[in-house]
Amino acid sequence: MPDNRRILLVEDDVLIGMMLVDMFDALGFPQPEQATSNQEALAIIGAGPIDGALVDINLGDEKGWPVADALAERGIPFAFTTGGGDVIPPAHAHRTLVTKPFRISQIEAILDEFFAD
């Protein structure tokens, strides 16, 4: 896996974010760009190319839909993460949904899917 791939991780829970970064590392993927809010994530997306993303649906008091829309507009592959109970808007209903607690095999499958040639 080339280590110049930029992966965006949008997760407002610091401990879950750290766990996911550890999973990326264990799988041989580069350290992801991290954001804890829509505003931070949109700034990262606007700053340069992103190759894939994991987007938490619930970001504090906001939903990750603006990030999902921005990624979709740019054709960037992404998957949603959630603690469960969320209804995904029809425009994104086809996206992969990973529920917490995450298993490394799930994360590996999603990342492999992003970068399958």
C-alpha atoms as a PDB file:
ATOM      1  CA  MET A   1       0.000   0.000   0.000  1.00  0.00           C
ATOM      2  CA  PRO A   2       1.512   3.334  -1.024  1.00  0.00           C
ATOM      3  CA  ASP A   3       1.903   5.496   2.038  1.00  0.00           C
ATOM      4  CA  ASN A   4       1.094   8.714   0.197  1.00  0.00           C
ATOM      5  CA  ARG A   5      -2.647   7.962   0.277  1.00  0.00           C
ATOM      6  CA  ARG A   6      -4.602  10.552   2.244  1.00  0.00           C
ATOM      7  CA  ILE A   7      -7.406   9.072   4.271  1.00  0.00           C
ATOM      8  CA  LEU A   8      -9.781  11.275   6.242  1.00  0.00           C
ATOM      9  CA  LEU A   9     -11.073  10.078   9.583  1.00  0.00           C
ATOM     10  CA  VAL A  10     -14.016  12.107  10.894  1.00  0.00           C
ATOM     11  CA  GLU A  11     -14.668  11.054  14.495  1.00  0.00           C
ATOM     12  CA  ASP A  12     -15.567  13.246  17.464  1.00  0.00           C
ATOM     13  CA  ASP A  13     -14.670  10.707  20.157  1.00  0.00           C
ATOM     14  CA  VAL A  14     -10.921  11.007  20.834  1.00  0.00           C
ATOM     15  CA  LEU A  15     -10.541   7.452  22.169  1.00  0.00           C
ATOM     16  CA  ILE A  16     -12.348   5.910  19.192  1.00  0.00           C
ATOM     17  CA  GLY A  17     -10.219   8.040  16.873  1.00  0.00           C
ATOM     18  CA  MET A  18      -7.051   6.778  18.567  1.00  0.00           C
ATOM     19  CA  MET A  19      -8.252   3.184  18.271  1.00  0.00           C
ATOM     20  CA  LEU A  20      -8.938   3.636  14.547  1.00  0.00           C
ATOM     21  CA  VAL A  21      -5.509   5.216  13.990  1.00  0.00           C
ATOM     22  CA  ASP A  22      -3.969   2.177  15.706  1.00  0.00           C
ATOM     23  CA  MET A  23      -5.975  -0.092  13.382  1.00  0.00           C
ATOM     24  CA  PHE A  24      -4.766   1.831  10.322  1.00  0.00           C
ATOM     25  CA  ASP A  25      -1.188   1.436  11.558  1.00  0.00           C
ATOM     26  CA  ALA A  26      -1.608  -2.290  12.270  1.00  0.00           C
ATOM     27  CA  LEU A  27      -2.980  -2.759   8.757  1.00  0.00           C
ATOM     28  CA  GLY A  28      -0.081  -0.869   7.162  1.00  0.00           C
ATOM     29  CA  PHE A  29      -2.119   2.154   6.104  1.00  0.00           C
ATOM     30  CA  PRO A  30      -0.805   5.694   6.539  1.00  0.00           C
ATOM     31  CA  GLN A  31      -1.868   7.796   9.493  1.00  0.00           C
ATOM     32  CA  PRO A  32      -5.193   9.397   8.552  1.00  0.00           C
ATOM     33  CA  GLU A  33      -5.999  13.074   8.494  1.00  0.00           C
ATOM     34  CA  GLN A  34      -8.293  13.585  11.483  1.00  0.00           C
ATOM     35  CA  ALA A  35     -11.264  15.865  12.044  1.00  0.00           C
ATOM     36  CA  THR A  36     -13.743  16.023  14.914  1.00  0.00           C
ATOM     37  CA  SER A  37     -16.382  18.251  13.261  1.00  0.00           C
ATOM     38  CA  ASN A  38     -17.920  19.023   9.895  1.00  0.00           C
ATOM     39  CA  GLN A  39     -16.027  22.319   9.800  1.00  0.00           C
ATOM     40  CA  GLU A  40     -12.642  20.651  10.341  1.00  0.00           C
ATOM     41  CA  ALA A  41     -13.396  17.874   7.855  1.00  0.00           C
ATOM     42  CA  LEU A  42     -14.562  20.277   5.146  1.00  0.00           C
ATOM     43  CA  ALA A  43     -11.371  22.332   5.612  1.00  0.00           C
ATOM     44  CA  ILE A  44      -9.246  19.190   5.131  1.00  0.00           C
ATOM     45  CA  ILE A  45     -11.239  18.168   2.050  1.00  0.00           C
ATOM     46  CA  GLY A  46     -10.799  21.667   0.617  1.00  0.00           C
ATOM     47  CA  ALA A  47      -7.059  21.716   1.331  1.00  0.00           C
ATOM     48  CA  GLY A  48      -6.084  18.916  -1.022  1.00  0.00           C
ATOM     49  CA  PRO A  49      -6.905  15.532  -2.440  1.00  0.00           C
ATOM     50  CA  ILE A  50      -8.370  12.879  -0.165  1.00  0.00           C
ATOM     51  CA  ASP A  51      -8.308   9.247  -1.315  1.00  0.00           C
ATOM     52  CA  GLY A  52     -10.944   7.832   1.053  1.00  0.00           C
ATOM     53  CA  ALA A  53     -12.749   8.595   4.305  1.00  0.00           C
ATOM     54  CA  LEU A  54     -14.516   7.178   7.318  1.00  0.00           C
ATOM     55  CA  VAL A  55     -17.244   9.567   8.461  1.00  0.00           C
ATOM     56  CA  ASP A  56     -18.951   9.293  11.845  1.00  0.00           C
ATOM     57  CA  ILE A  57     -22.623  10.129  11.422  1.00  0.00           C
ATOM     58  CA  ASN A  58     -22.937  11.700  14.863  1.00  0.00           C
ATOM     59  CA  LEU A  59     -20.440  14.490  15.491  1.00  0.00           C
ATOM     60  CA  GLY A  60     -21.483  15.977  18.796  1.00  0.00           C
ATOM     61  CA  ASP A  61     -24.656  17.931  18.108  1.00  0.00           C
ATOM     62  CA  GLU A  62     -24.305  17.719  14.329  1.00  0.00           C
ATOM     63  CA  LYS A  63     -24.574  15.027  11.690  1.00  0.00           C
ATOM     64  CA  GLY A  64     -21.803  14.219   9.186  1.00  0.00           C
ATOM     65  CA  TRP A  65     -24.025  14.772   6.130  1.00  0.00           C
ATOM     66  CA  PRO A  66     -22.186  17.910   4.871  1.00  0.00           C
ATOM     67  CA  VAL A  67     -18.930  15.924   4.839  1.00  0.00           C
ATOM     68  CA  ALA A  68     -20.608  13.014   3.058  1.00  0.00           C
ATOM     69  CA  ASP A  69     -22.043  15.390   0.453  1.00  0.00           C
ATOM     70  CA  ALA A  70     -18.641  17.042  -0.128  1.00  0.00           C
ATOM     71  CA  LEU A  71     -16.924  13.673  -0.529  1.00  0.00           C
ATOM     72  CA  ALA A  72     -19.633  12.392  -2.888  1.00  0.00           C
ATOM     73  CA  GLU A  73     -19.407  15.567  -5.026  1.00  0.00           C
ATOM     74  CA  ARG A  74     -15.683  14.902  -5.468  1.00  0.00           C
ATOM     75  CA  GLY A  75     -16.083  11.181  -6.153  1.00  0.00           C
ATOM     76  CA  ILE A  76     -14.100  10.233  -3.041  1.00  0.00           C
ATOM     77  CA  PRO A  77     -14.942   6.793  -1.628  1.00  0.00           C
ATOM     78  CA  PHE A  78     -16.146   6.780   1.963  1.00  0.00           C
ATOM     79  CA  ALA A  79     -18.030   4.780   4.538  1.00  0.00           C
ATOM     80  CA  PHE A  80     -20.123   5.845   7.495  1.00  0.00           C
ATOM     81  CA  THR A  81     -19.441   4.877  11.092  1.00  0.00           C
ATOM     82  CA  THR A  82     -22.068   4.954  13.822  1.00  0.00           C
ATOM     83  CA  GLY A  83     -23.046   3.725  17.222  1.00  0.00           C
ATOM     84  CA  GLY A  84     -26.322   2.640  15.629  1.00  0.00           C
ATOM     85  CA  GLY A  85     -29.881   3.840  15.173  1.00  0.00           C
ATOM     86  CA  ASP A  86     -29.186   6.323  12.392  1.00  0.00           C
ATOM     87  CA  VAL A  87     -31.242   6.760   9.242  1.00  0.00           C
ATOM     88  CA  ILE A  88     -29.035   7.484   6.252  1.00  0.00           C
ATOM     89  CA  PRO A  89     -30.410   9.947   3.677  1.00  0.00           C
ATOM     90  CA  PRO A  90     -31.458   8.338   0.372  1.00  0.00           C
ATOM     91  CA  ALA A  91     -28.556   9.995  -1.501  1.00  0.00           C
ATOM     92  CA  HIS A  92     -26.105   7.985   0.609  1.00  0.00           C
ATOM     93  CA  ALA A  93     -28.145   4.844   1.289  1.00  0.00           C
ATOM     94  CA  HIS A  94     -25.740   2.754  -0.837  1.00  0.00           C
ATOM     95  CA  ARG A  95     -22.719   3.645   1.321  1.00  0.00           C
ATOM     96  CA  THR A  96     -21.125   1.103   3.617  1.00  0.00           C
ATOM     97  CA  LEU A  97     -22.147   1.499   7.257  1.00  0.00           C
ATOM     98  CA  VAL A  98     -19.849   0.234  10.019  1.00  0.00           C
ATOM     99  CA  THR A  99     -21.281   0.058  13.517  1.00  0.00           C
ATOM    100  CA  LYS A 100     -19.332   0.410  16.732  1.00  0.00           C
ATOM    101  CA  PRO A 101     -17.567  -1.431  18.253  1.00  0.00           C
ATOM    102  CA  PHE A 102     -15.304  -1.715  15.209  1.00  0.00           C
ATOM    103  CA  ARG A 103     -13.441  -4.857  14.283  1.00  0.00           C
ATOM    104  CA  ILE A 104     -10.112  -4.541  12.509  1.00  0.00           C
ATOM    105  CA  SER A 105     -11.359  -6.911   9.791  1.00  0.00           C
ATOM    106  CA  GLN A 106     -14.205  -4.470   8.982  1.00  0.00           C
ATOM    107  CA  ILE A 107     -11.838  -1.527   8.724  1.00  0.00           C
ATOM    108  CA  GLU A 108      -9.421  -3.528   6.574  1.00  0.00           C
ATOM    109  CA  ALA A 109     -12.224  -4.552   4.191  1.00  0.00           C
ATOM    110  CA  ILE A 110     -13.376  -0.949   3.773  1.00  0.00           C
ATOM    111  CA  LEU A 111      -9.875   0.420   3.187  1.00  0.00           C
ATOM    112  CA  ASP A 112      -9.115  -2.385   0.730  1.00  0.00           C
ATOM    113  CA  GLU A 113     -12.348  -1.559  -1.100  1.00  0.00           C
ATOM    114  CA  PHE A 114     -11.350   2.128  -1.351  1.00  0.00           C
ATOM    115  CA  PHE A 115      -8.043   1.259  -2.958  1.00  0.00           C
ATOM    116  CA  ALA A 116      -8.962  -1.772  -5.075  1.00  0.00           C
ATOM    117  CA  ASP A 117      -7.714  -1.238  -8.609  1.00  0.00           C
END
